[in-house]
Amino acid sequence: MRPESLIGASSGAIYALLGKPDLVRHDRDVEVLQYPADTCALLIYLYKPEGGGEPKTSFIDARDKQAGPASPQACLAEALNQRSAQR
């Protein structure tokens, strides 16, 4: 699965795919879901549409254990593998 395929997804769709995030941060107009994996953390940013409504995934990022940049695609794959192993 490519990270770009999650753009536009609701938090419910993300939860259905990856389960409950380990951290949810709410800022002014954004909700950030964090899914830690063995070598990285997947960060999914959901923004409210301008006209209102349910927040949708607008951006996906990944960080290594030292908070440096990581591959979102590799981190998503790792997070999916870990979540499926836990189920």
Protein backbone atom coordinates (compact mmCIF):
# COMPACT_ATOMS: atom_id res chain seq x y z
CA MET A 1 0.00 0.00 0.00
CA ARG A 2 1.26 3.45 -0.88
CA PRO A 3 0.90 6.33 1.61
CA GLU A 4 -0.72 8.46 -1.11
CA SER A 5 -3.68 6.06 -1.14
CA LEU A 6 -4.58 7.30 2.36
CA ILE A 7 -4.97 10.94 1.29
CA GLY A 8 -8.60 11.93 1.79
CA ALA A 9 -9.29 9.12 4.27
CA SER A 10 -11.19 9.85 7.49
CA SER A 11 -9.84 8.96 10.92
CA GLY A 12 -12.34 6.09 11.00
CA ALA A 13 -10.85 4.64 7.82
CA ILE A 14 -7.32 5.03 9.23
CA TYR A 15 -8.38 3.33 12.50
CA ALA A 16 -9.93 0.47 10.52
CA LEU A 17 -6.67 -0.01 8.63
CA LEU A 18 -4.08 0.56 11.35
CA GLY A 19 -6.01 0.28 14.61
CA LYS A 20 -5.97 2.81 17.41
CA PRO A 21 -2.95 5.13 17.24
CA ASP A 22 -0.54 5.25 20.15
CA LEU A 23 -0.82 9.03 20.22
CA VAL A 24 -3.46 11.47 19.02
CA ARG A 25 -2.59 15.16 19.05
CA HIS A 26 -5.18 17.86 18.43
CA ASP A 27 -3.99 21.30 17.37
CA ARG A 28 -5.99 24.19 16.03
CA ASP A 29 -7.05 22.79 12.65
CA VAL A 30 -5.24 19.46 12.60
CA GLU A 31 -5.44 16.06 14.22
CA VAL A 32 -2.21 14.05 14.15
CA LEU A 33 -2.26 10.27 14.53
CA GLN A 34 1.02 8.61 15.47
CA TYR A 35 1.74 4.95 14.82
CA PRO A 36 5.14 3.86 16.15
CA ALA A 37 6.87 0.94 14.49
CA ASP A 38 10.20 -0.74 15.28
CA THR A 39 12.38 1.67 13.31
CA CYS A 40 10.10 4.66 12.71
CA ALA A 41 6.93 6.53 13.60
CA LEU A 42 4.20 7.08 11.03
CA LEU A 43 2.47 10.45 11.36
CA ILE A 44 -0.89 10.98 9.69
CA TYR A 45 -2.22 14.54 9.55
CA LEU A 46 -5.96 15.09 9.20
CA TYR A 47 -7.30 18.58 8.47
CA LYS A 48 -10.87 19.82 8.61
CA PRO A 49 -12.21 20.83 5.20
CA GLU A 50 -12.64 24.59 4.68
CA GLY A 51 -16.42 24.29 4.60
CA GLY A 52 -16.45 22.21 7.79
CA GLY A 53 -17.08 18.55 8.24
CA GLU A 54 -15.03 15.54 9.22
CA PRO A 55 -11.23 15.88 9.10
CA LYS A 56 -9.55 14.08 6.21
CA THR A 57 -6.00 12.84 5.76
CA SER A 58 -4.02 15.53 4.00
CA PHE A 59 -0.41 14.64 4.71
CA ILE A 60 1.61 11.60 5.78
CA ASP A 61 5.10 11.78 7.24
CA ALA A 62 7.52 9.37 8.88
CA ARG A 63 10.33 9.89 11.35
CA ASP A 64 13.12 7.60 12.43
CA LYS A 65 13.86 6.92 16.11
CA GLN A 66 16.11 10.00 16.26
CA ALA A 67 13.28 12.19 14.85
CA GLY A 68 15.01 12.44 11.47
CA PRO A 69 13.21 11.88 8.17
CA ALA A 70 12.20 8.35 7.22
CA SER A 71 10.46 6.82 4.23
CA PRO A 72 6.67 7.11 4.64
CA GLN A 73 6.18 4.08 2.37
CA ALA A 74 8.58 1.87 4.34
CA CYS A 75 7.17 3.08 7.65
CA LEU A 76 3.56 2.46 6.56
CA ALA A 77 4.51 -1.08 5.50
CA GLU A 78 6.23 -1.66 8.84
CA ALA A 79 3.26 -0.26 10.79
CA LEU A 80 0.81 -2.42 8.81
CA ASN A 81 2.93 -5.54 9.41
CA GLN A 82 3.19 -4.86 13.13
CA ARG A 83 -0.54 -4.11 13.48
CA SER A 84 -1.52 -7.28 11.61
CA ALA A 85 0.81 -9.34 13.81
CA GLN A 86 -0.88 -7.91 16.92
CA ARG A 87 -4.39 -8.84 15.77
